[in-house]
Amino acid sequence: METEHLERQHAHIHTATVDRSDPRAPRRTFAKGIVDSGRRLRQRVTVAAGLCIGLAALVIAFE
C-alpha cells in the first residue's frame, strides 16, 4: 500500500526534461540556428543529389 502511494506521487516527475543549465549563462540560439539551418541545407542538397542520380539512372536504363 505504501509503495503504491509513492509510485503515484512521483509518477509525474521526468528527470530527463529538467533544465539544469545555468540561467545566467549566455544563450546560444544564434549559433544553434546557424547549425540547424546548415544541417537542413545539407539534407536538402543530399536529397536533390539523390533524386538527380536516380533520374539519370532511369534515363540511362530506358534508352
N, C-alpha and C. Protein backbone atom coordinates (compact mmCIF):
# COMPACT_ATOMS: atom_id res chain seq x y z
N MET A 1 0.83 -1.19 0.00
CA MET A 1 0.00 0.00 0.00
C MET A 1 0.88 1.26 0.00
N GLU A 2 1.91 1.26 0.82
CA GLU A 2 2.79 2.42 0.90
C GLU A 2 3.53 2.65 -0.43
N THR A 3 4.00 1.58 -1.07
CA THR A 3 4.73 1.75 -2.33
C THR A 3 3.81 2.25 -3.44
N GLU A 4 2.54 1.83 -3.45
CA GLU A 4 1.61 2.33 -4.46
C GLU A 4 1.44 3.84 -4.32
N HIS A 5 1.32 4.28 -3.11
CA HIS A 5 1.15 5.71 -2.87
C HIS A 5 2.39 6.49 -3.35
N LEU A 6 3.56 5.97 -3.08
CA LEU A 6 4.79 6.64 -3.51
C LEU A 6 4.93 6.64 -5.02
N GLU A 7 4.55 5.53 -5.68
CA GLU A 7 4.64 5.46 -7.13
C GLU A 7 3.71 6.47 -7.77
N ARG A 8 2.49 6.58 -7.25
CA ARG A 8 1.54 7.55 -7.80
C ARG A 8 2.01 8.97 -7.55
N GLN A 9 2.61 9.21 -6.42
CA GLN A 9 3.04 10.55 -6.07
C GLN A 9 4.19 11.03 -6.96
N HIS A 10 5.09 10.16 -7.36
CA HIS A 10 6.26 10.54 -8.15
C HIS A 10 6.12 10.18 -9.63
N ALA A 11 4.95 9.81 -10.07
CA ALA A 11 4.77 9.39 -11.45
C ALA A 11 4.94 10.55 -12.43
N HIS A 12 4.71 11.79 -11.99
CA HIS A 12 4.76 12.93 -12.90
C HIS A 12 6.15 13.53 -13.04
N ILE A 13 7.14 13.03 -12.36
CA ILE A 13 8.49 13.58 -12.42
C ILE A 13 9.26 12.93 -13.57
N HIS A 14 9.77 13.76 -14.48
CA HIS A 14 10.58 13.27 -15.61
C HIS A 14 11.95 13.93 -15.50
N THR A 15 12.92 13.21 -15.04
CA THR A 15 14.23 13.79 -14.80
C THR A 15 14.93 14.19 -16.10
N ALA A 16 14.59 13.57 -17.22
CA ALA A 16 15.25 13.90 -18.48
C ALA A 16 14.83 15.28 -18.99
N THR A 17 13.73 15.81 -18.51
CA THR A 17 13.26 17.09 -19.02
C THR A 17 13.63 18.26 -18.12
N VAL A 18 14.37 18.02 -17.07
CA VAL A 18 14.75 19.09 -16.15
C VAL A 18 15.89 19.89 -16.76
N ASP A 19 15.74 21.20 -16.80
CA ASP A 19 16.77 22.08 -17.33
C ASP A 19 17.77 22.37 -16.22
N ARG A 20 18.97 21.84 -16.35
CA ARG A 20 19.99 22.03 -15.33
C ARG A 20 21.04 23.06 -15.74
N SER A 21 20.77 23.80 -16.79
CA SER A 21 21.74 24.80 -17.25
C SER A 21 21.71 26.02 -16.34
N ASP A 22 22.78 26.75 -16.37
CA ASP A 22 22.91 27.95 -15.56
C ASP A 22 22.06 29.05 -16.19
N PRO A 23 21.09 29.60 -15.47
CA PRO A 23 20.23 30.63 -16.08
C PRO A 23 20.97 31.91 -16.39
N ARG A 24 22.14 32.12 -15.81
CA ARG A 24 22.92 33.32 -16.09
C ARG A 24 23.83 33.15 -17.30
N ALA A 25 23.95 31.94 -17.79
CA ALA A 25 24.82 31.69 -18.93
C ALA A 25 24.21 32.29 -20.19
N PRO A 26 25.04 32.75 -21.12
CA PRO A 26 24.50 33.34 -22.36
C PRO A 26 23.82 32.27 -23.21
N ARG A 27 22.75 32.64 -23.83
CA ARG A 27 22.02 31.71 -24.70
C ARG A 27 22.75 31.58 -26.03
N ARG A 28 22.72 30.41 -26.59
CA ARG A 28 23.44 30.18 -27.85
C ARG A 28 22.46 29.92 -28.98
N THR A 29 21.38 30.66 -29.01
CA THR A 29 20.36 30.44 -30.03
C THR A 29 20.87 30.83 -31.42
N PHE A 30 21.70 31.86 -31.50
CA PHE A 30 22.19 32.29 -32.81
C PHE A 30 23.04 31.21 -33.46
N ALA A 31 24.01 30.69 -32.72
CA ALA A 31 24.87 29.64 -33.27
C ALA A 31 24.08 28.36 -33.53
N LYS A 32 23.15 28.06 -32.64
CA LYS A 32 22.33 26.86 -32.82
C LYS A 32 21.48 26.98 -34.07
N GLY A 33 20.95 28.17 -34.33
CA GLY A 33 20.15 28.39 -35.53
C GLY A 33 20.97 28.21 -36.79
N ILE A 34 22.20 28.69 -36.78
CA ILE A 34 23.08 28.54 -37.94
C ILE A 34 23.39 27.06 -38.19
N VAL A 35 23.67 26.34 -37.11
CA VAL A 35 23.98 24.91 -37.24
C VAL A 35 22.77 24.16 -37.76
N ASP A 36 21.58 24.48 -37.22
CA ASP A 36 20.36 23.80 -37.67
C ASP A 36 20.05 24.11 -39.13
N SER A 37 20.21 25.37 -39.52
CA SER A 37 19.92 25.71 -40.92
C SER A 37 20.95 25.05 -41.85
N GLY A 38 22.20 24.96 -41.42
CA GLY A 38 23.21 24.26 -42.21
C GLY A 38 22.91 22.79 -42.36
N ARG A 39 22.40 22.19 -41.29
CA ARG A 39 22.04 20.78 -41.33
C ARG A 39 20.86 20.56 -42.29
N ARG A 40 19.87 21.45 -42.23
CA ARG A 40 18.72 21.33 -43.13
C ARG A 40 19.15 21.51 -44.58
N LEU A 41 20.04 22.48 -44.83
CA LEU A 41 20.53 22.70 -46.19
C LEU A 41 21.28 21.48 -46.71
N ARG A 42 22.11 20.88 -45.85
CA ARG A 42 22.85 19.69 -46.24
C ARG A 42 21.90 18.54 -46.57
N GLN A 43 20.84 18.39 -45.79
CA GLN A 43 19.86 17.33 -46.06
C GLN A 43 19.16 17.57 -47.39
N ARG A 44 18.80 18.81 -47.66
CA ARG A 44 18.13 19.13 -48.93
C ARG A 44 19.03 18.89 -50.12
N VAL A 45 20.31 19.26 -49.99
CA VAL A 45 21.25 19.03 -51.08
C VAL A 45 21.43 17.54 -51.31
N THR A 46 21.49 16.78 -50.23
CA THR A 46 21.64 15.32 -50.36
C THR A 46 20.43 14.70 -51.06
N VAL A 47 19.24 15.13 -50.69
CA VAL A 47 18.03 14.62 -51.33
C VAL A 47 18.00 15.00 -52.81
N ALA A 48 18.35 16.25 -53.11
CA ALA A 48 18.36 16.69 -54.50
C ALA A 48 19.38 15.90 -55.32
N ALA A 49 20.55 15.67 -54.76
CA ALA A 49 21.58 14.89 -55.47
C ALA A 49 21.11 13.45 -55.68
N GLY A 50 20.48 12.88 -54.69
CA GLY A 50 19.96 11.52 -54.83
C GLY A 50 18.89 11.42 -55.90
N LEU A 51 18.01 12.42 -55.93
CA LEU A 51 16.99 12.43 -56.98
C LEU A 51 17.59 12.58 -58.37
N CYS A 52 18.59 13.43 -58.49
CA CYS A 52 19.25 13.62 -59.79
C CYS A 52 19.94 12.34 -60.25
N ILE A 53 20.62 11.68 -59.35
CA ILE A 53 21.31 10.42 -59.69
C ILE A 53 20.29 9.35 -60.07
N GLY A 54 19.19 9.27 -59.30
CA GLY A 54 18.15 8.30 -59.62
C GLY A 54 17.50 8.57 -60.95
N LEU A 55 17.22 9.84 -61.24
CA LEU A 55 16.64 10.20 -62.54
C LEU A 55 17.60 9.90 -63.69
N ALA A 56 18.86 10.19 -63.48
CA ALA A 56 19.86 9.89 -64.52
C ALA A 56 19.95 8.37 -64.75
N ALA A 57 19.88 7.60 -63.69
CA ALA A 57 19.92 6.14 -63.84
C ALA A 57 18.69 5.64 -64.60
N LEU A 58 17.53 6.22 -64.35
CA LEU A 58 16.32 5.83 -65.08
C LEU A 58 16.43 6.18 -66.55
N VAL A 59 16.94 7.37 -66.85
CA VAL A 59 17.08 7.78 -68.25
C VAL A 59 18.04 6.87 -68.98
N ILE A 60 19.14 6.52 -68.34
CA ILE A 60 20.12 5.62 -68.95
C ILE A 60 19.51 4.22 -69.15
N ALA A 61 18.73 3.76 -68.17
CA ALA A 61 18.16 2.42 -68.25
C ALA A 61 17.12 2.31 -69.35
N PHE A 62 16.36 3.37 -69.59
CA PHE A 62 15.28 3.30 -70.58
C PHE A 62 15.72 3.70 -71.98
N GLU A 63 16.97 4.08 -72.19
CA GLU A 63 17.43 4.41 -73.54
C GLU A 63 17.81 3.21 -74.33
